[in-house]
C-alpha cells in the first residue's frame, strides 16, 4: 500500500474538523501503549487492542466524510503510522515523521506537530516526505501535546499549563495561557487535551485518568470515574459527561 503524502494527510485531518457523526467513539492510548475505546454502556474503558507498536498518541481522521475513519498514531520511537478501517496492521512509519510526539492540522490544511524537543513545528508542504520547520512565537513554552480548535492551536506545557496561539503561522503570534497549573489539591494537572464532539474539553491527567473542563471554575476536574489507565485521548467523535 502506498504511503499517503503530506497533502493527503492534511486533507484527512481537515475533513475530520468539518464532519461529525452520530454515535460516540472516544479512543484512548493505555499506559501499556495499546488502543482502547470508551464503553458508553459500562462507562469505562473497553478491552485493549494490542499491536506490535507501543503507542503514545492517536488522532482519528475521517478522510471521506462517510464515516470510514483512518487512525494516525505515534509510537514510543516517535514515528507516525496510520491505519484505515480495512487495515488490520499499522502502516508506516510515514517518511519524514521521525521525532514527532503529537500531530494535528489547521483549518487551512497546514500540518502542525510537537517534536521530541517539545517545540511546535509545521510541515513545509513540499512534495514527498514531511519536512518540519520550527514555528516561532512569543511566550512559547516547552510542549508535550497539542490540538487545533476554532482556528487556535492549543498546547499543553510540560508543567501542565494550557496555552494557545492563532493558527496563522505566517505571523509571529504570541502564546497566551488559558489554564494554569497549580499545587492546589483541587486543580487537576493535565498532560494531553482533546475536544469532544459537543465542543467540551476532555483531558488526560497526570494520574492517567480523564477530566472535563469546568467553565465556571476555570479548571479541569474532577476525574471521570473509572477512567484511569490512559496516556492520551482522541475525543472528537464522542461525548463523555461527568455524573
Protein backbone atom coordinates (compact mmCIF):
# COMPACT_ATOMS: atom_id res chain seq x y z
CA UNK A 1 0.00 0.00 0.00
CA UNK A 2 1.35 3.41 -0.97
CA UNK A 3 2.04 5.78 1.90
CA UNK A 4 -0.03 8.98 1.94
CA UNK A 5 1.63 12.25 1.00
CA UNK A 6 1.62 15.18 3.44
CA UNK A 7 -1.17 16.79 1.42
CA UNK A 8 -3.35 13.69 1.72
CA UNK A 9 -2.72 13.53 5.47
CA UNK A 10 -3.63 17.20 5.81
CA UNK A 11 -6.86 16.72 3.88
CA UNK A 12 -7.82 13.75 6.04
CA UNK A 13 -7.23 15.76 9.21
CA UNK A 14 -9.05 18.80 7.83
CA UNK A 15 -12.11 16.75 6.90
CA UNK A 16 -12.34 15.50 10.49
CA UNK A 17 -12.74 19.08 11.69
CA UNK A 18 -15.67 19.54 9.29
CA UNK A 19 -17.69 16.37 9.84
CA UNK A 20 -19.28 14.92 12.99
CA UNK A 21 -21.08 11.62 13.03
CA UNK A 22 -23.69 10.13 15.31
CA UNK A 23 -22.55 7.54 17.79
CA UNK A 24 -19.93 8.27 20.35
CA UNK A 25 -16.44 6.97 19.88
CA UNK A 26 -13.69 8.10 22.20
CA UNK A 27 -10.31 6.44 21.76
CA UNK A 28 -7.54 6.20 24.32
CA UNK A 29 -3.94 5.02 24.44
CA UNK A 30 -3.29 2.92 27.53
CA UNK A 31 -0.24 3.12 29.78
CA UNK A 32 0.95 -0.09 28.09
CA UNK A 33 0.79 1.51 24.63
CA UNK A 34 -2.39 -0.22 23.41
CA UNK A 35 -5.55 1.27 21.90
CA UNK A 36 -8.80 1.25 23.87
CA UNK A 37 -12.31 2.66 23.37
CA UNK A 38 -14.64 4.21 25.92
CA UNK A 39 -17.57 1.85 26.52
CA UNK A 40 -20.64 4.06 26.97
CA UNK A 41 -22.69 1.09 28.21
CA UNK A 42 -20.43 0.49 31.21
CA UNK A 43 -18.81 3.96 31.47
CA UNK A 44 -15.29 2.62 31.46
CA UNK A 45 -12.55 1.67 29.03
CA UNK A 46 -13.07 -1.44 26.89
CA UNK A 47 -10.71 -4.33 26.20
CA UNK A 48 -7.29 -3.20 24.97
CA UNK A 49 -6.30 -3.61 21.30
CA UNK A 50 -2.67 -4.74 21.23
CA UNK A 51 -0.26 -4.46 18.30
CA UNK A 52 3.45 -4.70 17.59
CA UNK A 53 3.76 -0.98 18.34
CA UNK A 54 3.83 0.70 21.73
CA UNK A 55 1.76 3.81 21.11
CA UNK A 56 1.99 7.18 22.88
CA UNK A 57 -0.65 9.16 20.95
CA UNK A 58 -3.52 8.74 18.48
CA UNK A 59 -5.52 11.00 16.15
CA UNK A 60 -8.78 9.96 14.47
CA UNK A 61 -9.44 11.16 10.92
CA UNK A 62 -12.40 10.91 8.55
CA UNK A 63 -10.92 11.24 5.08
CA UNK A 64 -14.17 10.80 3.15
CA UNK A 65 -16.99 12.26 5.22
CA UNK A 66 -18.89 8.95 5.13
CA UNK A 67 -17.77 7.63 8.49
CA UNK A 68 -14.86 5.49 7.27
CA UNK A 69 -12.09 6.68 9.57
CA UNK A 70 -8.33 6.48 9.46
CA UNK A 71 -6.29 6.41 12.64
CA UNK A 72 -2.94 8.15 12.82
CA UNK A 73 -0.80 7.02 15.74
CA UNK A 74 2.63 7.81 17.17
CA UNK A 75 4.73 5.10 18.78
CA UNK A 76 7.32 5.28 21.55
CA UNK A 77 10.08 5.63 18.96
CA UNK A 78 8.37 8.88 17.89
CA UNK A 79 7.35 7.71 14.41
CA UNK A 80 3.93 8.30 12.79
CA UNK A 81 1.82 5.39 11.49
CA UNK A 82 -1.67 5.13 10.01
CA UNK A 83 -4.40 2.50 9.70
CA UNK A 84 -7.64 2.67 7.68
CA UNK A 85 -10.86 0.88 8.55
CA UNK A 86 -9.86 -2.01 6.24
CA UNK A 87 -6.36 -2.47 7.70
CA UNK A 88 -5.53 -4.98 10.41
CA UNK A 89 -1.97 -3.72 10.91
CA UNK A 90 -0.40 -0.30 11.17
CA UNK A 91 1.18 1.15 8.01
CA UNK A 92 4.39 3.17 8.16
CA UNK A 93 6.30 4.82 9.52
CA UNK A 94 5.43 7.79 7.30
CA UNK A 95 8.62 9.21 5.72
CA UNK A 96 9.82 12.34 7.49
CA UNK A 97 7.76 11.69 10.61
CA UNK A 98 10.66 10.79 12.91
CA UNK A 99 10.89 12.74 16.17
CA UNK A 100 7.19 13.66 16.42
CA UNK A 101 5.15 13.20 19.62
CA UNK A 102 1.82 14.78 18.55
CA UNK A 103 0.28 16.00 15.29
CA UNK A 104 -2.78 17.93 14.06
CA UNK A 105 -3.84 20.26 11.22
CA UNK A 106 -5.00 23.87 10.93
CA UNK A 107 -8.23 24.91 9.23
CA UNK A 108 -6.19 25.79 6.12
CA UNK A 109 -4.71 22.28 5.89
CA UNK A 110 -1.31 23.05 7.43
CA UNK A 111 0.17 20.14 9.39
CA UNK A 112 1.49 21.13 12.83
CA UNK A 113 3.21 18.94 15.40
CA UNK A 114 5.15 18.81 18.65
CA UNK A 115 8.62 17.39 18.17
CA UNK A 116 10.77 15.41 20.60
CA UNK A 117 12.38 18.69 21.74
CA UNK A 118 8.91 19.80 22.90
CA UNK A 119 8.64 22.60 20.32
CA UNK A 120 5.91 23.46 17.84
CA UNK A 121 6.83 22.68 14.24
CA UNK A 122 4.97 22.83 10.92
CA UNK A 123 5.32 20.87 7.70
CA UNK A 124 6.68 22.96 4.82
CA UNK A 125 4.25 21.32 2.40
CA UNK A 126 6.90 20.10 -0.02
CA UNK A 127 6.27 17.05 -2.26
CA UNK A 128 7.33 13.66 -0.90
CA UNK A 129 8.42 13.34 2.71
CA UNK A 130 7.33 15.52 5.60
CA UNK A 131 9.70 18.46 6.14
CA UNK A 132 9.38 20.18 9.52
CA UNK A 133 10.33 23.76 10.39
CA UNK A 134 10.25 25.43 13.82
CA UNK A 135 7.34 27.83 14.47
CA UNK A 136 8.29 30.96 16.39
CA UNK A 137 6.03 32.67 18.89
CA UNK A 138 6.41 34.92 21.91
CA UNK A 139 5.77 33.12 25.18
CA UNK A 140 6.21 29.68 23.65
CA UNK A 141 6.68 27.03 26.29
CA UNK A 142 8.04 23.51 26.34
CA UNK A 143 5.11 21.48 24.97
CA UNK A 144 4.07 17.84 25.20
CA UNK A 145 0.68 17.86 23.44
CA UNK A 146 -1.39 19.98 21.03
CA UNK A 147 -4.80 20.20 19.39
CA UNK A 148 -6.29 22.64 16.88
CA UNK A 149 -9.75 24.06 17.56
CA UNK A 150 -11.66 27.13 16.29
CA UNK A 151 -8.60 28.50 14.46
CA UNK A 152 -6.40 28.31 17.56
CA UNK A 153 -3.53 25.96 18.34
CA UNK A 154 -3.82 24.76 21.94
CA UNK A 155 -0.79 23.16 23.57
CA UNK A 156 -0.08 21.61 26.97
CA UNK A 157 3.25 22.59 28.51
CA UNK A 158 5.50 20.15 30.33
CA UNK A 159 4.45 21.75 33.64
CA UNK A 160 0.72 21.37 32.99
CA UNK A 161 -0.32 24.77 31.63
CA UNK A 162 -2.57 25.04 28.57
CA UNK A 163 -1.55 27.79 26.13
CA UNK A 164 -2.96 28.90 22.81
CA UNK A 165 -1.99 30.99 19.80
CA UNK A 166 -3.53 31.81 16.44
CA UNK A 167 -3.21 29.06 13.84
CA UNK A 168 -1.84 31.72 11.43
CA UNK A 169 1.75 30.54 11.19
CA UNK A 170 2.84 33.33 8.85
CA UNK A 171 2.99 35.80 11.72
CA UNK A 172 4.95 35.71 14.99
CA UNK A 173 1.89 35.33 17.21
CA UNK A 174 2.11 35.44 20.99
CA UNK A 175 1.04 32.48 23.16
CA UNK A 176 -1.48 33.17 25.91
CA UNK A 177 -2.09 30.96 28.95
CA UNK A 178 -5.70 29.77 29.21
CA UNK A 179 -5.37 27.18 32.01
CA UNK A 180 -2.74 27.47 34.73
CA UNK A 181 -1.28 24.54 36.65
CA UNK A 182 -1.07 24.76 40.43
CA UNK A 183 -0.06 22.82 43.50
CA UNK A 184 -3.59 23.26 44.84
CA UNK A 185 -5.26 19.95 45.68
CA UNK A 186 -8.47 20.90 43.85
CA UNK A 187 -6.80 21.60 40.49
CA UNK A 188 -6.11 18.67 38.20
CA UNK A 189 -2.87 18.81 36.17
CA UNK A 190 -3.32 17.65 32.58
CA UNK A 191 -0.84 16.02 30.21
CA UNK A 192 -2.90 15.85 26.98
CA UNK A 193 -6.08 17.54 25.76
CA UNK A 194 -8.77 16.88 23.15
CA UNK A 195 -12.08 18.45 22.11
CA UNK A 196 -15.27 16.41 22.27
CA UNK A 197 -17.97 16.33 19.61
CA UNK A 198 -20.02 18.90 21.57
CA UNK A 199 -17.07 21.30 21.91
CA UNK A 200 -16.27 20.47 25.55
CA UNK A 201 -12.65 19.94 26.56
CA UNK A 202 -11.52 16.49 27.70
CA UNK A 203 -8.05 15.90 29.13
CA UNK A 204 -5.82 13.12 30.38
CA UNK A 205 -4.47 13.94 33.82
CA UNK A 206 -1.06 13.24 35.32
CA UNK A 207 -2.75 10.33 37.16
CA UNK A 208 -3.73 8.82 33.76
CA UNK A 209 -7.46 9.46 34.11
CA UNK A 210 -9.90 11.67 32.19
CA UNK A 211 -11.12 15.08 33.31
CA UNK A 212 -13.60 17.53 31.82
CA UNK A 213 -13.03 21.29 31.79
CA UNK A 214 -15.31 23.21 34.17
CA UNK A 215 -16.05 26.60 32.57
CA UNK A 216 -17.48 28.04 35.79
CA UNK A 217 -14.47 27.08 37.89
CA UNK A 218 -11.89 27.66 35.16
CA UNK A 219 -10.18 24.31 35.72
CA UNK A 220 -10.16 20.64 34.76
CA UNK A 221 -11.63 18.10 37.12
CA UNK A 222 -12.63 16.14 39.00
CA UNK A 223 -11.51 12.99 37.21
CA UNK A 224 -14.12 10.89 35.43
CA UNK A 225 -14.88 7.74 37.43
CA UNK A 226 -13.27 4.52 36.15
CA UNK A 227 -11.24 6.41 33.55
CA UNK A 228 -7.71 5.70 34.80
CA UNK A 229 -5.16 3.82 32.65
CA UNK A 230 -4.59 6.12 29.63
CA UNK A 231 -1.83 8.47 28.48
CA UNK A 232 -3.69 10.07 25.54
CA UNK A 233 -7.25 10.53 24.31
CA UNK A 234 -8.95 11.28 20.97
CA UNK A 235 -12.42 12.65 21.72
CA UNK A 236 -13.60 14.38 18.53
CA UNK A 237 -16.33 11.86 17.74
CA UNK A 238 -17.84 11.30 21.18
CA UNK A 239 -19.09 12.94 24.37
CA UNK A 240 -18.33 11.99 27.98
CA UNK A 241 -20.12 13.82 30.78
CA UNK A 242 -19.43 13.75 34.49
CA UNK A 243 -22.17 12.19 36.57
